[in-house]
Amino acid sequence: MFELRRLAPEDLGLILELQERIRSGLADKAIFQTSSPEFISYCLAEGGHCYGVSRGGETVAYRMVYFPRDREFNLARDTPLPPAEHLRVAHWDTIAVLPQWRGFQLARLLNTRALADLEQTDIRHLLSTSSPANPHGVRSLIETGFRPVRLVRKFGGKLRFLCYRPSPAGWPAAAGPRRTVALGATEELEQAFRDGWTGTSLVIDDSGPCLALRLQPAPFDVSGAGAVNGGDT
């Protein structure tokens, strides 16, 4: 049986050890962005929510949620969100599962708990990033209600999808034209995002992993009211 718990400041060493174990086992280490001890300590204290899943006394997965507030690194600066809303942003930060425990729905378990806890806060905007070279990570975010809305360069120039999820309402139902673009077609994806397309699912065709998009701009309210349009996911 798996046990999920909210992590505390004394669990810093636990997360540092886990992220290194997970990173060392990756063939392409660039797809996994590790966090500094200072950043993790901030999230474990008052700057976020962190969770761990254990099995037989061993922690096998963790999830971090970061509240950037007025700190310099706030992904809201890469969106049309009004500055007044930046304090209501949370970053859907690192999630990682030890390889031997993948396939047990641990990510879903962690995400469900984290989303439920955020509903009790004043957070209204969730932002995250994922590498186009990591289709599993992109799919996991989409399944959690996020949609890729643009491509950005972060973490020393690494290419990342910027993904957005209104909280707690979720996105309005997708409608309108649909198209697919290969995850590696950077220029085509950038133009699609500029034209108001957003990613809604991950599909596999003859060219490999592709992002399915709908002609539906992100539901940011830039009128100054500081809210997002409601709707069902």
C-alpha atoms as a PDB file:
ATOM      1  CA  MET A   1       0.000   0.000   0.000  1.00  0.00           C
ATOM      2  CA  PHE A   2       1.173   3.504  -0.818  1.00  0.00           C
ATOM      3  CA  GLU A   3       1.087   6.314   1.719  1.00  0.00           C
ATOM      4  CA  LEU A   4       0.867   9.988   0.722  1.00  0.00           C
ATOM      5  CA  ARG A   5       1.847  12.776   3.092  1.00  0.00           C
ATOM      6  CA  ARG A   6       2.556  16.494   3.059  1.00  0.00           C
ATOM      7  CA  LEU A   7       6.297  17.045   3.373  1.00  0.00           C
ATOM      8  CA  ALA A   8       7.877  19.443   5.874  1.00  0.00           C
ATOM      9  CA  PRO A   9      11.170  21.413   6.108  1.00  0.00           C
ATOM     10  CA  GLU A  10      12.933  18.464   7.715  1.00  0.00           C
ATOM     11  CA  ASP A  11      12.371  16.485   4.477  1.00  0.00           C
ATOM     12  CA  LEU A  12      14.861  18.588   2.480  1.00  0.00           C
ATOM     13  CA  GLY A  13      17.471  15.826   2.364  1.00  0.00           C
ATOM     14  CA  LEU A  14      14.844  13.337   1.233  1.00  0.00           C
ATOM     15  CA  ILE A  15      13.927  15.388  -1.849  1.00  0.00           C
ATOM     16  CA  LEU A  16      17.557  16.145  -2.696  1.00  0.00           C
ATOM     17  CA  GLU A  17      18.381  12.435  -2.638  1.00  0.00           C
ATOM     18  CA  LEU A  18      15.325  11.486  -4.689  1.00  0.00           C
ATOM     19  CA  GLN A  19      15.891  14.054  -7.419  1.00  0.00           C
ATOM     20  CA  GLU A  20      19.495  12.938  -7.836  1.00  0.00           C
ATOM     21  CA  ARG A  21      18.487   9.264  -8.034  1.00  0.00           C
ATOM     22  CA  ILE A  22      15.892  10.081 -10.681  1.00  0.00           C
ATOM     23  CA  ARG A  23      18.152  12.377 -12.706  1.00  0.00           C
ATOM     24  CA  SER A  24      21.042   9.895 -12.721  1.00  0.00           C
ATOM     25  CA  GLY A  25      18.813   7.250 -14.274  1.00  0.00           C
ATOM     26  CA  LEU A  26      17.759   9.381 -17.264  1.00  0.00           C
ATOM     27  CA  ALA A  27      19.349   8.916 -20.680  1.00  0.00           C
ATOM     28  CA  ASP A  28      18.599  12.575 -21.512  1.00  0.00           C
ATOM     29  CA  LYS A  29      19.242  14.459 -18.288  1.00  0.00           C
ATOM     30  CA  ALA A  30      18.273  17.799 -19.872  1.00  0.00           C
ATOM     31  CA  ILE A  31      14.565  16.945 -19.645  1.00  0.00           C
ATOM     32  CA  PHE A  32      14.659  16.937 -15.834  1.00  0.00           C
ATOM     33  CA  GLN A  33      15.290  20.286 -14.157  1.00  0.00           C
ATOM     34  CA  THR A  34      16.719  19.795 -10.666  1.00  0.00           C
ATOM     35  CA  SER A  35      16.051  22.295  -7.865  1.00  0.00           C
ATOM     36  CA  SER A  36      18.509  23.939  -5.507  1.00  0.00           C
ATOM     37  CA  PRO A  37      18.409  23.251  -1.751  1.00  0.00           C
ATOM     38  CA  GLU A  38      17.373  26.889  -1.212  1.00  0.00           C
ATOM     39  CA  PHE A  39      14.433  26.592  -3.589  1.00  0.00           C
ATOM     40  CA  ILE A  40      13.257  23.301  -2.106  1.00  0.00           C
ATOM     41  CA  SER A  41      13.532  24.713   1.422  1.00  0.00           C
ATOM     42  CA  TYR A  42      11.366  27.672   0.394  1.00  0.00           C
ATOM     43  CA  CYS A  43       8.670  25.355  -1.001  1.00  0.00           C
ATOM     44  CA  LEU A  44       8.785  23.092   2.049  1.00  0.00           C
ATOM     45  CA  ALA A  45       8.205  26.061   4.342  1.00  0.00           C
ATOM     46  CA  GLU A  46       5.690  28.797   3.499  1.00  0.00           C
ATOM     47  CA  GLY A  47       6.550  29.109  -0.181  1.00  0.00           C
ATOM     48  CA  GLY A  48       4.626  26.159  -1.528  1.00  0.00           C
ATOM     49  CA  HIS A  49       3.247  22.680  -0.969  1.00  0.00           C
ATOM     50  CA  CYS A  50       5.319  19.502  -1.221  1.00  0.00           C
ATOM     51  CA  TYR A  51       4.119  15.908  -1.073  1.00  0.00           C
ATOM     52  CA  GLY A  52       5.718  12.480  -0.942  1.00  0.00           C
ATOM     53  CA  VAL A  53       4.497   8.948  -1.621  1.00  0.00           C
ATOM     54  CA  SER A  54       6.121   6.116   0.289  1.00  0.00           C
ATOM     55  CA  ARG A  55       5.987   2.342   0.063  1.00  0.00           C
ATOM     56  CA  GLY A  56       7.378   0.134   2.809  1.00  0.00           C
ATOM     57  CA  GLY A  57       9.057   3.079   4.504  1.00  0.00           C
ATOM     58  CA  GLU A  58      10.800   4.260   1.297  1.00  0.00           C
ATOM     59  CA  THR A  59       9.742   7.491  -0.416  1.00  0.00           C
ATOM     60  CA  VAL A  60       9.310   6.654  -4.101  1.00  0.00           C
ATOM     61  CA  ALA A  61       7.732   9.806  -5.578  1.00  0.00           C
ATOM     62  CA  TYR A  62       7.293  13.471  -4.831  1.00  0.00           C
ATOM     63  CA  ARG A  63       5.446  16.540  -6.080  1.00  0.00           C
ATOM     64  CA  MET A  64       6.385  20.206  -5.511  1.00  0.00           C
ATOM     65  CA  VAL A  65       4.105  23.244  -5.903  1.00  0.00           C
ATOM     66  CA  TYR A  66       5.768  26.672  -5.762  1.00  0.00           C
ATOM     67  CA  PHE A  67       4.215  30.029  -4.859  1.00  0.00           C
ATOM     68  CA  PRO A  68       6.387  32.650  -6.614  1.00  0.00           C
ATOM     69  CA  ARG A  69       4.449  35.619  -5.188  1.00  0.00           C
ATOM     70  CA  ASP A  70       6.575  38.741  -5.761  1.00  0.00           C
ATOM     71  CA  ARG A  71       9.778  36.828  -6.487  1.00  0.00           C
ATOM     72  CA  GLU A  72      11.584  37.513  -9.746  1.00  0.00           C
ATOM     73  CA  PHE A  73      10.959  34.059 -11.235  1.00  0.00           C
ATOM     74  CA  ASN A  74       7.222  34.078 -11.851  1.00  0.00           C
ATOM     75  CA  LEU A  75       6.043  32.441 -15.067  1.00  0.00           C
ATOM     76  CA  ALA A  76       3.096  34.842 -15.115  1.00  0.00           C
ATOM     77  CA  ARG A  77       5.535  37.381 -16.578  1.00  0.00           C
ATOM     78  CA  ASP A  78       5.494  35.285 -19.765  1.00  0.00           C
ATOM     79  CA  THR A  79       1.684  35.601 -20.036  1.00  0.00           C
ATOM     80  CA  PRO A  80      -0.891  38.409 -20.474  1.00  0.00           C
ATOM     81  CA  LEU A  81      -2.017  38.013 -16.849  1.00  0.00           C
ATOM     82  CA  PRO A  82      -2.391  41.441 -15.218  1.00  0.00           C
ATOM     83  CA  PRO A  83       0.336  42.184 -12.623  1.00  0.00           C
ATOM     84  CA  ALA A  84      -2.311  42.285  -9.898  1.00  0.00           C
ATOM     85  CA  GLU A  85      -2.888  38.566 -10.501  1.00  0.00           C
ATOM     86  CA  HIS A  86       0.749  37.533 -10.196  1.00  0.00           C
ATOM     87  CA  LEU A  87       0.386  37.003  -6.440  1.00  0.00           C
ATOM     88  CA  ARG A  88      -2.359  34.445  -7.155  1.00  0.00           C
ATOM     89  CA  VAL A  89      -0.092  32.235  -9.284  1.00  0.00           C
ATOM     90  CA  ALA A  90       1.340  28.848  -8.357  1.00  0.00           C
ATOM     91  CA  HIS A  91       3.936  26.941 -10.349  1.00  0.00           C
ATOM     92  CA  TRP A  92       3.110  23.269 -10.878  1.00  0.00           C
ATOM     93  CA  ASP A  93       6.731  22.436 -10.276  1.00  0.00           C
ATOM     94  CA  THR A  94       8.636  19.154 -10.121  1.00  0.00           C
ATOM     95  CA  ILE A  95       7.010  15.756 -10.018  1.00  0.00           C
ATOM     96  CA  ALA A  96       9.186  12.651 -10.096  1.00  0.00           C
ATOM     97  CA  VAL A  97       8.727   8.917  -9.588  1.00  0.00           C
ATOM     98  CA  LEU A  98      11.475   6.345  -9.189  1.00  0.00           C
ATOM     99  CA  PRO A  99      11.625   4.206 -12.372  1.00  0.00           C
ATOM    100  CA  GLN A 100      10.641   0.957 -10.696  1.00  0.00           C
ATOM    101  CA  TRP A 101       7.424   2.528  -9.376  1.00  0.00           C
ATOM    102  CA  ARG A 102       6.169   4.051 -12.606  1.00  0.00           C
ATOM    103  CA  GLY A 103       2.863   2.672 -13.834  1.00  0.00           C
ATOM    104  CA  PHE A 104       1.241   2.701 -10.382  1.00  0.00           C
ATOM    105  CA  GLN A 105      -0.683   5.982 -10.965  1.00  0.00           C
ATOM    106  CA  LEU A 106       1.431   7.787  -8.356  1.00  0.00           C
ATOM    107  CA  ALA A 107       1.509  11.015 -10.366  1.00  0.00           C
ATOM    108  CA  ARG A 108      -2.279  11.058 -10.458  1.00  0.00           C
ATOM    109  CA  LEU A 109      -2.403  10.418  -6.713  1.00  0.00           C
ATOM    110  CA  LEU A 110      -0.045  13.322  -6.018  1.00  0.00           C
ATOM    111  CA  ASN A 111      -1.772  15.664  -8.458  1.00  0.00           C
ATOM    112  CA  THR A 112      -5.243  14.981  -7.066  1.00  0.00           C
ATOM    113  CA  ARG A 113      -4.124  15.834  -3.537  1.00  0.00           C
ATOM    114  CA  ALA A 114      -2.229  18.952  -4.623  1.00  0.00           C
ATOM    115  CA  LEU A 115      -5.172  20.304  -6.638  1.00  0.00           C
ATOM    116  CA  ALA A 116      -7.572  19.682  -3.755  1.00  0.00           C
ATOM    117  CA  ASP A 117      -5.328  21.566  -1.339  1.00  0.00           C
ATOM    118  CA  LEU A 118      -4.959  24.509  -3.739  1.00  0.00           C
ATOM    119  CA  GLU A 119      -8.739  24.911  -3.869  1.00  0.00           C
ATOM    120  CA  GLN A 120      -8.528  26.013  -0.231  1.00  0.00           C
ATOM    121  CA  THR A 121      -6.126  28.861  -1.091  1.00  0.00           C
ATOM    122  CA  ASP A 122      -6.376  32.124  -3.040  1.00  0.00           C
ATOM    123  CA  ILE A 123      -4.405  30.639  -5.961  1.00  0.00           C
ATOM    124  CA  ARG A 124      -6.276  31.129  -9.237  1.00  0.00           C
ATOM    125  CA  HIS A 125      -3.638  30.459 -11.892  1.00  0.00           C
ATOM    126  CA  LEU A 126      -1.413  27.404 -12.291  1.00  0.00           C
ATOM    127  CA  LEU A 127       1.592  27.533 -14.596  1.00  0.00           C
ATOM    128  CA  SER A 128       4.126  24.894 -15.506  1.00  0.00           C
ATOM    129  CA  THR A 129       6.779  24.036 -18.074  1.00  0.00           C
ATOM    130  CA  SER A 130       7.651  20.822 -19.858  1.00  0.00           C
ATOM    131  CA  SER A 131      10.240  19.907 -22.467  1.00  0.00           C
ATOM    132  CA  PRO A 132       8.971  19.095 -25.997  1.00  0.00           C
ATOM    133  CA  ALA A 133      11.510  16.247 -25.825  1.00  0.00           C
ATOM    134  CA  ASN A 134       9.522  14.709 -22.949  1.00  0.00           C
ATOM    135  CA  PRO A 135       6.162  13.571 -24.396  1.00  0.00           C
ATOM    136  CA  HIS A 136       5.295  11.744 -21.162  1.00  0.00           C
ATOM    137  CA  GLY A 137       5.656  14.971 -19.176  1.00  0.00           C
ATOM    138  CA  VAL A 138       3.579  16.943 -21.685  1.00  0.00           C
ATOM    139  CA  ARG A 139       0.826  14.309 -21.614  1.00  0.00           C
ATOM    140  CA  SER A 140       0.825  14.216 -17.804  1.00  0.00           C
ATOM    141  CA  LEU A 141       0.297  17.990 -17.623  1.00  0.00           C
ATOM    142  CA  ILE A 142      -2.511  17.900 -20.186  1.00  0.00           C
ATOM    143  CA  GLU A 143      -4.220  15.077 -18.297  1.00  0.00           C
ATOM    144  CA  THR A 144      -4.074  17.269 -15.167  1.00  0.00           C
ATOM    145  CA  GLY A 145      -5.945  20.062 -16.942  1.00  0.00           C
ATOM    146  CA  PHE A 146      -3.035  22.125 -18.273  1.00  0.00           C
ATOM    147  CA  ARG A 147      -2.710  23.271 -21.866  1.00  0.00           C
ATOM    148  CA  PRO A 148       0.466  24.372 -23.656  1.00  0.00           C
ATOM    149  CA  VAL A 149       0.014  28.019 -24.637  1.00  0.00           C
ATOM    150  CA  ARG A 150       3.467  29.005 -25.921  1.00  0.00           C
ATOM    151  CA  LEU A 151       7.128  28.029 -26.178  1.00  0.00           C
ATOM    152  CA  VAL A 152       9.676  29.739 -23.925  1.00  0.00           C
ATOM    153  CA  ARG A 153      13.378  29.503 -23.159  1.00  0.00           C
ATOM    154  CA  LYS A 154      14.025  28.824 -19.471  1.00  0.00           C
ATOM    155  CA  PHE A 155      16.655  27.292 -17.183  1.00  0.00           C
ATOM    156  CA  GLY A 156      19.650  28.556 -19.104  1.00  0.00           C
ATOM    157  CA  GLY A 157      18.038  28.648 -22.531  1.00  0.00           C
ATOM    158  CA  LYS A 158      16.290  25.251 -22.561  1.00  0.00           C
ATOM    159  CA  LEU A 159      13.207  25.037 -24.786  1.00  0.00           C
ATOM    160  CA  ARG A 160      10.013  24.456 -22.812  1.00  0.00           C
ATOM    161  CA  PHE A 161       6.272  24.472 -23.323  1.00  0.00           C
ATOM    162  CA  LEU A 162       4.588  27.017 -21.060  1.00  0.00           C
ATOM    163  CA  CYS A 163       1.400  25.382 -19.802  1.00  0.00           C
ATOM    164  CA  TYR A 164      -1.558  27.044 -18.081  1.00  0.00           C
ATOM    165  CA  ARG A 165      -4.505  25.858 -15.978  1.00  0.00           C
ATOM    166  CA  PRO A 166      -7.107  28.173 -14.432  1.00  0.00           C
ATOM    167  CA  SER A 167      -7.752  27.189 -10.822  1.00  0.00           C
ATOM    168  CA  PRO A 168     -10.097  25.801  -9.714  1.00  0.00           C
ATOM    169  CA  ALA A 169     -12.533  26.249 -12.619  1.00  0.00           C
ATOM    170  CA  GLY A 170     -10.365  24.789 -15.369  1.00  0.00           C
ATOM    171  CA  TRP A 171     -10.453  25.634 -19.049  1.00  0.00           C
ATOM    172  CA  PRO A 172     -13.643  26.315 -21.018  1.00  0.00           C
ATOM    173  CA  ALA A 173     -14.679  23.340 -23.140  1.00  0.00           C
ATOM    174  CA  ALA A 174     -12.555  23.068 -26.282  1.00  0.00           C
ATOM    175  CA  ALA A 175     -14.299  23.859 -29.562  1.00  0.00           C
ATOM    176  CA  GLY A 176     -13.443  25.094 -33.020  1.00  0.00           C
ATOM    177  CA  PRO A 177     -10.892  23.895 -35.588  1.00  0.00           C
ATOM    178  CA  ARG A 178      -8.301  21.261 -34.684  1.00  0.00           C
ATOM    179  CA  ARG A 179      -4.824  20.594 -36.028  1.00  0.00           C
ATOM    180  CA  THR A 180      -1.734  18.592 -35.052  1.00  0.00           C
ATOM    181  CA  VAL A 181       1.898  19.692 -35.027  1.00  0.00           C
ATOM    182  CA  ALA A 182       4.955  17.537 -34.313  1.00  0.00           C
ATOM    183  CA  LEU A 183       6.588  18.269 -30.965  1.00  0.00           C
ATOM    184  CA  GLY A 184       9.862  18.904 -32.740  1.00  0.00           C
ATOM    185  CA  ALA A 185       8.408  21.455 -35.209  1.00  0.00           C
ATOM    186  CA  THR A 186       9.424  24.450 -33.093  1.00  0.00           C
ATOM    187  CA  GLU A 187       8.787  27.224 -35.613  1.00  0.00           C
ATOM    188  CA  GLU A 188       5.361  25.858 -36.599  1.00  0.00           C
ATOM    189  CA  LEU A 189       4.355  25.531 -32.945  1.00  0.00           C
ATOM    190  CA  GLU A 190       5.526  29.059 -32.139  1.00  0.00           C
ATOM    191  CA  GLN A 191       3.454  30.468 -34.999  1.00  0.00           C
ATOM    192  CA  ALA A 192       0.412  28.422 -33.984  1.00  0.00           C
ATOM    193  CA  PHE A 193       0.568  29.780 -30.430  1.00  0.00           C
ATOM    194  CA  ARG A 194       0.898  33.341 -31.755  1.00  0.00           C
ATOM    195  CA  ASP A 195      -2.208  32.738 -33.871  1.00  0.00           C
ATOM    196  CA  GLY A 196      -4.276  31.728 -30.831  1.00  0.00           C
ATOM    197  CA  TRP A 197      -3.981  27.921 -30.890  1.00  0.00           C
ATOM    198  CA  THR A 198      -3.511  25.984 -27.642  1.00  0.00           C
ATOM    199  CA  GLY A 199      -2.525  22.377 -27.047  1.00  0.00           C
ATOM    200  CA  THR A 200      -5.325  20.048 -25.931  1.00  0.00           C
ATOM    201  CA  SER A 201      -3.885  16.533 -26.200  1.00  0.00           C
ATOM    202  CA  LEU A 202      -0.853  14.513 -27.201  1.00  0.00           C
ATOM    203  CA  VAL A 203      -1.168  12.131 -30.141  1.00  0.00           C
ATOM    204  CA  ILE A 204       1.166   9.777 -31.973  1.00  0.00           C
ATOM    205  CA  ASP A 205       1.153   9.645 -35.763  1.00  0.00           C
ATOM    206  CA  ASP A 206       3.602   8.599 -38.468  1.00  0.00           C
ATOM    207  CA  SER A 207       5.877  11.529 -37.640  1.00  0.00           C
ATOM    208  CA  GLY A 208       6.019  10.657 -33.944  1.00  0.00           C
ATOM    209  CA  PRO A 209       4.609  12.541 -30.927  1.00  0.00           C
ATOM    210  CA  CYS A 210       2.431  15.488 -31.923  1.00  0.00           C
ATOM    211  CA  LEU A 211       0.518  18.168 -30.091  1.00  0.00           C
ATOM    212  CA  ALA A 212      -3.156  18.389 -30.987  1.00  0.00           C
ATOM    213  CA  LEU A 213      -4.278  22.015 -30.875  1.00  0.00           C
ATOM    214  CA  ARG A 214      -7.553  23.925 -30.885  1.00  0.00           C
ATOM    215  CA  LEU A 215      -8.070  27.474 -32.072  1.00  0.00           C
ATOM    216  CA  GLN A 216      -8.824  28.759 -28.589  1.00  0.00           C
ATOM    217  CA  PRO A 217      -6.714  31.437 -26.903  1.00  0.00           C
ATOM    218  CA  ALA A 218      -5.909  31.038 -23.216  1.00  0.00           C
ATOM    219  CA  PRO A 219      -8.714  32.415 -20.982  1.00  0.00           C
ATOM    220  CA  PHE A 220      -6.646  35.238 -19.508  1.00  0.00           C
ATOM    221  CA  ASP A 221      -8.672  38.298 -18.596  1.00  0.00           C
ATOM    222  CA  VAL A 222      -6.468  41.254 -19.550  1.00  0.00           C
ATOM    223  CA  SER A 223      -9.189  43.853 -18.977  1.00  0.00           C
ATOM    224  CA  GLY A 224      -7.753  44.647 -15.542  1.00  0.00           C
ATOM    225  CA  ALA A 225     -10.489  42.827 -13.626  1.00  0.00           C
ATOM    226  CA  GLY A 226      -7.970  40.188 -12.626  1.00  0.00           C
ATOM    227  CA  ALA A 227     -10.052  37.054 -13.207  1.00  0.00           C
ATOM    228  CA  VAL A 228     -10.254  34.292 -15.756  1.00  0.00           C
ATOM    229  CA  ASN A 229     -13.287  33.090 -17.606  1.00  0.00           C
ATOM    230  CA  GLY A 230     -14.916  30.093 -16.012  1.00  0.00           C
ATOM    231  CA  GLY A 231     -15.886  26.823 -17.615  1.00  0.00           C
ATOM    232  CA  ASP A 232     -15.523  23.115 -17.409  1.00  0.00           C
ATOM    233  CA  THR A 233     -12.425  21.215 -18.356  1.00  0.00           C
END
